[in-house]
């Protein structure tokens, strides 16, 4: 079961289209890569290469 990490200030921002974009800070708190090609992935995942 995945651990739920509550979002705090600095964990995300809203894109011009209104989407929630998670920051590197949030990804590091979560502790793993979801392999979705996140914009601020600190784990080096690139969905175009994998």
PDB file of N, CA and C in Angstrom:
ATOM      1  N   UNK A   1       0.847  -1.177   0.000  1.00  0.00           N
ATOM      2  CA  UNK A   1       0.000   0.000   0.000  1.00  0.00           C
ATOM      3  C   UNK A   1       0.892   1.240   0.000  1.00  0.00           C
ATOM      4  N   UNK A   2       0.580   2.200  -0.841  1.00  0.00           N
ATOM      5  CA  UNK A   2       1.372   3.418  -0.942  1.00  0.00           C
ATOM      6  C   UNK A   2       1.049   4.369   0.195  1.00  0.00           C
ATOM      7  N   UNK A   3       2.094   5.016   0.691  1.00  0.00           N
ATOM      8  CA  UNK A   3       1.956   5.967   1.785  1.00  0.00           C
ATOM      9  C   UNK A   3       1.424   7.299   1.244  1.00  0.00           C
ATOM     10  N   UNK A   4       0.431   7.873   1.893  1.00  0.00           N
ATOM     11  CA  UNK A   4      -0.139   9.144   1.475  1.00  0.00           C
ATOM     12  C   UNK A   4       0.678  10.276   2.104  1.00  0.00           C
ATOM     13  N   UNK A   5       1.198  11.151   1.259  1.00  0.00           N
ATOM     14  CA  UNK A   5       1.992  12.290   1.705  1.00  0.00           C
ATOM     15  C   UNK A   5       1.142  13.545   1.526  1.00  0.00           C
ATOM     16  N   UNK A   6       0.756  14.198   2.618  1.00  0.00           N
ATOM     17  CA  UNK A   6      -0.041  15.420   2.462  1.00  0.00           C
ATOM     18  C   UNK A   6       0.786  16.527   1.805  1.00  0.00           C
ATOM     19  N   UNK A   7       0.183  17.224   0.858  1.00  0.00           N
ATOM     20  CA  UNK A   7       0.866  18.309   0.146  1.00  0.00           C
ATOM     21  C   UNK A   7       0.951  19.545   1.037  1.00  0.00           C
ATOM     22  N   UNK A   8       2.145  20.111   1.085  1.00  0.00           N
ATOM     23  CA  UNK A   8       2.383  21.317   1.873  1.00  0.00           C
ATOM     24  C   UNK A   8       2.843  22.428   0.940  1.00  0.00           C
ATOM     25  N   UNK A   9       3.003  23.625   1.476  1.00  0.00           N
ATOM     26  CA  UNK A   9       3.457  24.754   0.672  1.00  0.00           C
ATOM     27  C   UNK A   9       4.811  24.426   0.048  1.00  0.00           C
ATOM     28  N   UNK A  10       4.943  24.695  -1.234  1.00  0.00           N
ATOM     29  CA  UNK A  10       6.175  24.423  -1.961  1.00  0.00           C
ATOM     30  C   UNK A  10       6.214  23.057  -2.612  1.00  0.00           C
ATOM     31  N   UNK A  11       5.196  22.227  -2.363  1.00  0.00           N
ATOM     32  CA  UNK A  11       5.155  20.892  -2.954  1.00  0.00           C
ATOM     33  C   UNK A  11       4.595  20.895  -4.368  1.00  0.00           C
ATOM     34  N   UNK A  12       3.852  21.910  -4.729  1.00  0.00           N
ATOM     35  CA  UNK A  12       3.278  21.979  -6.074  1.00  0.00           C
ATOM     36  C   UNK A  12       2.935  23.420  -6.422  1.00  0.00           C
ATOM     37  N   UNK A  13       2.693  23.639  -7.702  1.00  0.00           N
ATOM     38  CA  UNK A  13       2.179  24.920  -8.176  1.00  0.00           C
ATOM     39  C   UNK A  13       1.151  24.622  -9.256  1.00  0.00           C
ATOM     40  N   UNK A  14       0.344  25.594  -9.591  1.00  0.00           N
ATOM     41  CA  UNK A  14      -0.670  25.418 -10.625  1.00  0.00           C
ATOM     42  C   UNK A  14      -0.139  25.904 -11.955  1.00  0.00           C
ATOM     43  N   UNK A  15      -0.278  25.079 -12.982  1.00  0.00           N
ATOM     44  CA  UNK A  15       0.150  25.459 -14.326  1.00  0.00           C
ATOM     45  C   UNK A  15      -0.855  26.467 -14.887  1.00  0.00           C
ATOM     46  N   UNK A  16      -0.502  27.149 -15.967  1.00  0.00           N
ATOM     47  CA  UNK A  16      -1.454  28.088 -16.578  1.00  0.00           C
ATOM     48  C   UNK A  16      -2.767  27.419 -16.994  1.00  0.00           C
ATOM     49  N   UNK A  17      -2.711  26.113 -17.252  1.00  0.00           N
ATOM     50  CA  UNK A  17      -3.915  25.367 -17.637  1.00  0.00           C
ATOM     51  C   UNK A  17      -4.734  24.927 -16.426  1.00  0.00           C
ATOM     52  N   UNK A  18      -4.193  25.138 -15.218  1.00  0.00           N
ATOM     53  CA  UNK A  18      -4.908  24.784 -13.999  1.00  0.00           C
ATOM     54  C   UNK A  18      -4.546  23.436 -13.410  1.00  0.00           C
ATOM     55  N   UNK A  19      -3.504  22.786 -13.943  1.00  0.00           N
ATOM     56  CA  UNK A  19      -3.075  21.491 -13.416  1.00  0.00           C
ATOM     57  C   UNK A  19      -2.140  21.685 -12.231  1.00  0.00           C
ATOM     58  N   UNK A  20      -2.178  20.756 -11.294  1.00  0.00           N
ATOM     59  CA  UNK A  20      -1.255  20.758 -10.155  1.00  0.00           C
ATOM     60  C   UNK A  20       0.048  20.107 -10.623  1.00  0.00           C
ATOM     61  N   UNK A  21       1.154  20.833 -10.524  1.00  0.00           N
ATOM     62  CA  UNK A  21       2.467  20.346 -10.953  1.00  0.00           C
ATOM     63  C   UNK A  21       3.322  20.158  -9.700  1.00  0.00           C
ATOM     64  N   UNK A  22       3.682  18.917  -9.409  1.00  0.00           N
ATOM     65  CA  UNK A  22       4.467  18.637  -8.210  1.00  0.00           C
ATOM     66  C   UNK A  22       5.927  19.005  -8.426  1.00  0.00           C
ATOM     67  N   UNK A  23       6.531  19.561  -7.380  1.00  0.00           N
ATOM     68  CA  UNK A  23       7.915  20.015  -7.438  1.00  0.00           C
ATOM     69  C   UNK A  23       8.858  18.889  -7.017  1.00  0.00           C
ATOM     70  N   UNK A  24      10.150  19.129  -7.220  1.00  0.00           N
ATOM     71  CA  UNK A  24      11.165  18.177  -6.796  1.00  0.00           C
ATOM     72  C   UNK A  24      11.054  17.909  -5.292  1.00  0.00           C
ATOM     73  N   UNK A  25      10.749  18.941  -4.536  1.00  0.00           N
ATOM     74  CA  UNK A  25      10.586  18.821  -3.077  1.00  0.00           C
ATOM     75  C   UNK A  25       9.565  17.735  -2.731  1.00  0.00           C
ATOM     76  N   UNK A  26       8.425  17.746  -3.408  1.00  0.00           N
ATOM     77  CA  UNK A  26       7.390  16.752  -3.136  1.00  0.00           C
ATOM     78  C   UNK A  26       7.845  15.351  -3.528  1.00  0.00           C
ATOM     79  N   UNK A  27       8.459  15.233  -4.708  1.00  0.00           N
ATOM     80  CA  UNK A  27       8.912  13.917  -5.167  1.00  0.00           C
ATOM     81  C   UNK A  27       9.925  13.310  -4.201  1.00  0.00           C
ATOM     82  N   UNK A  28      10.819  14.121  -3.671  1.00  0.00           N
ATOM     83  CA  UNK A  28      11.807  13.618  -2.715  1.00  0.00           C
ATOM     84  C   UNK A  28      11.135  13.174  -1.416  1.00  0.00           C
ATOM     85  N   UNK A  29      10.109  13.893  -0.982  1.00  0.00           N
ATOM     86  CA  UNK A  29       9.377  13.485   0.225  1.00  0.00           C
ATOM     87  C   UNK A  29       8.656  12.168  -0.002  1.00  0.00           C
ATOM     88  N   UNK A  30       8.121  11.990  -1.215  1.00  0.00           N
ATOM     89  CA  UNK A  30       7.403  10.762  -1.533  1.00  0.00           C
ATOM     90  C   UNK A  30       8.357   9.569  -1.522  1.00  0.00           C
ATOM     91  N   UNK A  31       9.574   9.763  -2.026  1.00  0.00           N
ATOM     92  CA  UNK A  31      10.603   8.746  -1.893  1.00  0.00           C
ATOM     93  C   UNK A  31      10.735   7.729  -3.005  1.00  0.00           C
ATOM     94  N   UNK A  32      10.004   7.852  -4.095  1.00  0.00           N
ATOM     95  CA  UNK A  32      10.150   6.914  -5.204  1.00  0.00           C
ATOM     96  C   UNK A  32       9.685   7.568  -6.504  1.00  0.00           C
ATOM     97  N   UNK A  33      10.099   6.978  -7.609  1.00  0.00           N
ATOM     98  CA  UNK A  33       9.694   7.478  -8.933  1.00  0.00           C
ATOM     99  C   UNK A  33       8.454   6.715  -9.391  1.00  0.00           C
ATOM    100  N   UNK A  34       7.447   7.434  -9.854  1.00  0.00           N
ATOM    101  CA  UNK A  34       6.212   6.800 -10.322  1.00  0.00           C
ATOM    102  C   UNK A  34       6.278   6.448 -11.811  1.00  0.00           C
ATOM    103  N   UNK A  35       7.352   6.871 -12.489  1.00  0.00           N
ATOM    104  CA  UNK A  35       7.592   6.596 -13.915  1.00  0.00           C
ATOM    105  C   UNK A  35       6.484   7.137 -14.809  1.00  0.00           C
ATOM    106  N   UNK A  36       5.986   8.322 -14.455  1.00  0.00           N
ATOM    107  CA  UNK A  36       4.966   8.984 -15.261  1.00  0.00           C
ATOM    108  C   UNK A  36       5.551  10.117 -16.100  1.00  0.00           C
ATOM    109  N   UNK A  37       6.847  10.350 -15.979  1.00  0.00           N
ATOM    110  CA  UNK A  37       7.478  11.425 -16.741  1.00  0.00           C
ATOM    111  C   UNK A  37       7.214  12.794 -16.143  1.00  0.00           C
ATOM    112  N   UNK A  38       7.203  12.894 -14.837  1.00  0.00           N
ATOM    113  CA  UNK A  38       6.922  14.157 -14.152  1.00  0.00           C
ATOM    114  C   UNK A  38       7.940  15.230 -14.540  1.00  0.00           C
ATOM    115  N   UNK A  39       7.485  16.435 -14.653  1.00  0.00           N
ATOM    116  CA  UNK A  39       8.304  17.568 -15.073  1.00  0.00           C
ATOM    117  C   UNK A  39       9.501  17.806 -14.159  1.00  0.00           C
ATOM    118  N   UNK A  40       9.343  17.606 -12.864  1.00  0.00           N
ATOM    119  CA  UNK A  40      10.404  17.897 -11.900  1.00  0.00           C
ATOM    120  C   UNK A  40      10.932  16.633 -11.213  1.00  0.00           C
ATOM    121  N   UNK A  41      11.009  15.535 -11.945  1.00  0.00           N
ATOM    122  CA  UNK A  41      11.453  14.265 -11.371  1.00  0.00           C
ATOM    123  C   UNK A  41      12.930  14.334 -10.970  1.00  0.00           C
ATOM    124  N   UNK A  42      13.239  14.129  -9.669  1.00  0.00           N
ATOM    125  CA  UNK A  42      14.628  14.155  -9.221  1.00  0.00           C
ATOM    126  C   UNK A  42      15.336  12.806  -9.395  1.00  0.00           C
ATOM    127  N   UNK A  43      14.616  11.802  -9.894  1.00  0.00           N
ATOM    128  CA  UNK A  43      15.173  10.454 -10.003  1.00  0.00           C
ATOM    129  C   UNK A  43      15.745  10.158 -11.387  1.00  0.00           C
ATOM    130  N   UNK A  44      15.663  11.111 -12.300  1.00  0.00           N
ATOM    131  CA  UNK A  44      16.278  10.962 -13.612  1.00  0.00           C
ATOM    132  C   UNK A  44      15.475  10.131 -14.593  1.00  0.00           C
ATOM    133  N   UNK A  45      14.228   9.834 -14.294  1.00  0.00           N
ATOM    134  CA  UNK A  45      13.415   9.058 -15.225  1.00  0.00           C
ATOM    135  C   UNK A  45      13.051   9.895 -16.439  1.00  0.00           C
ATOM    136  N   UNK A  46      13.178   9.300 -17.619  1.00  0.00           N
ATOM    137  CA  UNK A  46      12.809   9.970 -18.869  1.00  0.00           C
ATOM    138  C   UNK A  46      11.916   9.004 -19.637  1.00  0.00           C
ATOM    139  N   UNK A  47      10.638   9.315 -19.736  1.00  0.00           N
ATOM    140  CA  UNK A  47       9.702   8.386 -20.386  1.00  0.00           C
ATOM    141  C   UNK A  47       9.996   8.202 -21.870  1.00  0.00           C
ATOM    142  N   UNK A  48      10.752   9.107 -22.493  1.00  0.00           N
ATOM    143  CA  UNK A  48      11.111   8.965 -23.880  1.00  0.00           C
ATOM    144  C   UNK A  48      12.228   7.948 -24.094  1.00  0.00           C
ATOM    145  N   UNK A  49      12.991   7.670 -23.049  1.00  0.00           N
ATOM    146  CA  UNK A  49      14.092   6.707 -23.145  1.00  0.00           C
ATOM    147  C   UNK A  49      13.697   5.320 -22.666  1.00  0.00           C
ATOM    148  N   UNK A  50      12.764   5.224 -21.739  1.00  0.00           N
ATOM    149  CA  UNK A  50      12.366   3.926 -21.187  1.00  0.00           C
ATOM    150  C   UNK A  50      11.136   3.379 -21.846  1.00  0.00           C
TER     151      UNK A  50
END
